[in-house]
Amino acid sequence: MEYKQRDDCFIAYSTENLLYALKSEEDYIIIHEDFKKEFEQNTQLPLTEKEEMAAQLGFRGWAGIWVGLCFHIINFFSKGSKQQKKIDSKIRKYHFKKQNGHEFILYLRQLEY
């Protein structure tokens, strides 16, 4: 999935910006290069498209159900902050790609349909 213009994207510079964009379900979110390192360290990144497809094939379509159940159990008992738990939970609605060496782009899964 490619986006047309950078102007159409929400640019996240901090955790608060990212949480706001995830709650409002922005179509495209760019993780700015200044926030990228913190984002990678603290966030449970969603699977890439290829990883997800391989998992679905391996589990005959049941991977989404089992992974979702395990994720919610692990997220409930983890020791992270409430804000980070919300981000980890909401980011599962997005796919991500490395835009260039400096930034990530997150886009809603439903845009593929």
C-alpha atoms as a PDB file:
ATOM      1  CA  MET A   1       0.000   0.000   0.000  1.00  0.00           C
ATOM      2  CA  GLU A   2       1.439   3.337  -1.014  1.00  0.00           C
ATOM      3  CA  TYR A   3       0.226   6.703   0.048  1.00  0.00           C
ATOM      4  CA  LYS A   4      -0.172   9.559  -2.406  1.00  0.00           C
ATOM      5  CA  GLN A   5       1.099  12.589  -0.484  1.00  0.00           C
ATOM      6  CA  ARG A   6       2.811  13.188   2.791  1.00  0.00           C
ATOM      7  CA  ASP A   7       0.230  15.909   3.511  1.00  0.00           C
ATOM      8  CA  ASP A   8      -2.476  13.239   3.824  1.00  0.00           C
ATOM      9  CA  CYS A   9      -0.612  11.477   6.630  1.00  0.00           C
ATOM     10  CA  PHE A  10      -0.632  12.059  10.364  1.00  0.00           C
ATOM     11  CA  ILE A  11       2.953  12.492  11.578  1.00  0.00           C
ATOM     12  CA  ALA A  12       3.614  11.177  15.091  1.00  0.00           C
ATOM     13  CA  TYR A  13       6.416  12.907  16.981  1.00  0.00           C
ATOM     14  CA  SER A  14       5.667  11.432  20.411  1.00  0.00           C
ATOM     15  CA  THR A  15       3.743   8.732  22.249  1.00  0.00           C
ATOM     16  CA  GLU A  16       0.847  11.111  22.887  1.00  0.00           C
ATOM     17  CA  ASN A  17       0.617  11.991  19.176  1.00  0.00           C
ATOM     18  CA  LEU A  18       0.688   8.332  18.226  1.00  0.00           C
ATOM     19  CA  LEU A  19      -2.015   7.394  20.736  1.00  0.00           C
ATOM     20  CA  TYR A  20      -4.223  10.235  19.465  1.00  0.00           C
ATOM     21  CA  ALA A  21      -3.784   9.078  15.847  1.00  0.00           C
ATOM     22  CA  LEU A  22      -4.547   5.456  16.774  1.00  0.00           C
ATOM     23  CA  LYS A  23      -7.675   6.418  18.723  1.00  0.00           C
ATOM     24  CA  SER A  24      -8.976   8.517  15.835  1.00  0.00           C
ATOM     25  CA  GLU A  25      -8.039   5.710  13.403  1.00  0.00           C
ATOM     26  CA  GLU A  26      -6.050   7.848  10.988  1.00  0.00           C
ATOM     27  CA  ASP A  27      -5.604   6.133   7.617  1.00  0.00           C
ATOM     28  CA  TYR A  28      -1.855   6.746   7.428  1.00  0.00           C
ATOM     29  CA  ILE A  29       0.507   7.473  10.302  1.00  0.00           C
ATOM     30  CA  ILE A  30       4.167   8.304   9.814  1.00  0.00           C
ATOM     31  CA  ILE A  31       6.466   7.640  12.748  1.00  0.00           C
ATOM     32  CA  HIS A  32       8.877  10.569  12.565  1.00  0.00           C
ATOM     33  CA  GLU A  33      12.577   9.812  12.635  1.00  0.00           C
ATOM     34  CA  ASP A  34      13.048  11.568  16.020  1.00  0.00           C
ATOM     35  CA  PHE A  35      10.445   9.223  17.596  1.00  0.00           C
ATOM     36  CA  LYS A  36      11.422   6.073  15.681  1.00  0.00           C
ATOM     37  CA  LYS A  37      13.951   4.672  18.182  1.00  0.00           C
ATOM     38  CA  GLU A  38      11.603   5.082  21.169  1.00  0.00           C
ATOM     39  CA  PHE A  39       8.756   3.578  19.109  1.00  0.00           C
ATOM     40  CA  GLU A  40      10.815   0.493  18.215  1.00  0.00           C
ATOM     41  CA  GLN A  41      11.944  -0.073  21.797  1.00  0.00           C
ATOM     42  CA  ASN A  42       8.550   0.269  23.479  1.00  0.00           C
ATOM     43  CA  THR A  43       5.996  -0.984  20.961  1.00  0.00           C
ATOM     44  CA  GLN A  44       5.083  -4.528  20.018  1.00  0.00           C
ATOM     45  CA  LEU A  45       5.164  -4.144  16.267  1.00  0.00           C
ATOM     46  CA  PRO A  46       2.458  -5.856  14.239  1.00  0.00           C
ATOM     47  CA  LEU A  47       3.426  -8.568  11.811  1.00  0.00           C
ATOM     48  CA  THR A  48       4.433  -7.531   8.338  1.00  0.00           C
ATOM     49  CA  GLU A  49       2.181  -8.609   5.484  1.00  0.00           C
ATOM     50  CA  LYS A  50       4.476 -11.501   4.535  1.00  0.00           C
ATOM     51  CA  GLU A  51       4.813 -12.747   8.118  1.00  0.00           C
ATOM     52  CA  GLU A  52       1.067 -12.636   8.627  1.00  0.00           C
ATOM     53  CA  MET A  53       0.373 -14.471   5.382  1.00  0.00           C
ATOM     54  CA  ALA A  54       2.847 -17.218   6.313  1.00  0.00           C
ATOM     55  CA  ALA A  55       1.274 -17.614   9.748  1.00  0.00           C
ATOM     56  CA  GLN A  56      -2.236 -17.811   8.288  1.00  0.00           C
ATOM     57  CA  LEU A  57      -1.160 -20.468   5.802  1.00  0.00           C
ATOM     58  CA  GLY A  58       0.617 -22.471   8.488  1.00  0.00           C
ATOM     59  CA  PHE A  59      -2.390 -22.467  10.801  1.00  0.00           C
ATOM     60  CA  ARG A  60      -4.990 -22.821   8.037  1.00  0.00           C
ATOM     61  CA  GLY A  61      -6.589 -19.477   8.829  1.00  0.00           C
ATOM     62  CA  TRP A  62      -6.823 -19.963  12.603  1.00  0.00           C
ATOM     63  CA  ALA A  63      -3.685 -17.945  13.394  1.00  0.00           C
ATOM     64  CA  GLY A  64      -5.578 -14.677  13.812  1.00  0.00           C
ATOM     65  CA  ILE A  65      -7.856 -16.111  16.471  1.00  0.00           C
ATOM     66  CA  TRP A  66      -5.111 -17.810  18.493  1.00  0.00           C
ATOM     67  CA  VAL A  67      -2.658 -14.933  18.202  1.00  0.00           C
ATOM     68  CA  GLY A  68      -5.343 -12.436  19.215  1.00  0.00           C
ATOM     69  CA  LEU A  69      -6.282 -14.459  22.271  1.00  0.00           C
ATOM     70  CA  CYS A  70      -2.651 -14.899  23.349  1.00  0.00           C
ATOM     71  CA  PHE A  71      -1.922 -11.213  22.758  1.00  0.00           C
ATOM     72  CA  HIS A  72      -4.745 -10.044  25.017  1.00  0.00           C
ATOM     73  CA  ILE A  73      -3.717 -12.405  27.808  1.00  0.00           C
ATOM     74  CA  ILE A  74      -0.064 -11.355  27.626  1.00  0.00           C
ATOM     75  CA  ASN A  75      -0.975  -7.663  27.343  1.00  0.00           C
ATOM     76  CA  PHE A  76      -3.243  -7.908  30.408  1.00  0.00           C
ATOM     77  CA  PHE A  77      -0.476  -9.360  32.596  1.00  0.00           C
ATOM     78  CA  SER A  78       2.429  -7.273  31.231  1.00  0.00           C
ATOM     79  CA  LYS A  79       4.024  -4.613  33.396  1.00  0.00           C
ATOM     80  CA  GLY A  80       3.962  -1.784  30.831  1.00  0.00           C
ATOM     81  CA  SER A  81       2.187   1.518  31.313  1.00  0.00           C
ATOM     82  CA  LYS A  82      -1.507   1.817  30.498  1.00  0.00           C
ATOM     83  CA  GLN A  83      -0.684   4.202  27.683  1.00  0.00           C
ATOM     84  CA  GLN A  84       1.725   1.725  26.077  1.00  0.00           C
ATOM     85  CA  LYS A  85      -0.783  -1.119  26.469  1.00  0.00           C
ATOM     86  CA  LYS A  86      -3.372   0.985  24.618  1.00  0.00           C
ATOM     87  CA  ILE A  87      -0.893   1.676  21.832  1.00  0.00           C
ATOM     88  CA  ASP A  88       0.053  -2.009  21.539  1.00  0.00           C
ATOM     89  CA  SER A  89      -3.607  -2.973  21.403  1.00  0.00           C
ATOM     90  CA  LYS A  90      -4.687  -0.364  18.833  1.00  0.00           C
ATOM     91  CA  ILE A  91      -1.651  -0.756  16.585  1.00  0.00           C
ATOM     92  CA  ARG A  92      -2.845  -4.254  15.683  1.00  0.00           C
ATOM     93  CA  LYS A  93      -5.324  -2.634  13.270  1.00  0.00           C
ATOM     94  CA  TYR A  94      -2.400  -1.379  11.190  1.00  0.00           C
ATOM     95  CA  HIS A  95       0.242  -2.744   8.846  1.00  0.00           C
ATOM     96  CA  PHE A  96       3.622  -1.093   8.865  1.00  0.00           C
ATOM     97  CA  LYS A  97       6.404  -0.566   6.362  1.00  0.00           C
ATOM     98  CA  LYS A  98       9.756   1.094   6.599  1.00  0.00           C
ATOM     99  CA  GLN A  99       9.276   4.178   4.488  1.00  0.00           C
ATOM    100  CA  ASN A 100      12.949   4.998   4.214  1.00  0.00           C
ATOM    101  CA  GLY A 101      15.896   4.595   6.520  1.00  0.00           C
ATOM    102  CA  HIS A 102      14.469   7.207   8.838  1.00  0.00           C
ATOM    103  CA  GLU A 103      10.726   6.641   9.188  1.00  0.00           C
ATOM    104  CA  PHE A 104       7.956   4.036   9.444  1.00  0.00           C
ATOM    105  CA  ILE A 105       4.530   4.313   7.901  1.00  0.00           C
ATOM    106  CA  LEU A 106       1.509   2.642   9.489  1.00  0.00           C
ATOM    107  CA  TYR A 107      -1.644   2.175   7.433  1.00  0.00           C
ATOM    108  CA  LEU A 108      -5.018   0.694   8.301  1.00  0.00           C
ATOM    109  CA  ARG A 109      -5.516  -2.911   7.310  1.00  0.00           C
ATOM    110  CA  GLN A 110      -9.007  -2.140   6.036  1.00  0.00           C
ATOM    111  CA  LEU A 111      -7.532   0.077   3.294  1.00  0.00           C
ATOM    112  CA  GLU A 112      -6.386  -3.076   1.503  1.00  0.00           C
ATOM    113  CA  TYR A 113      -9.911  -4.315   0.905  1.00  0.00           C
END
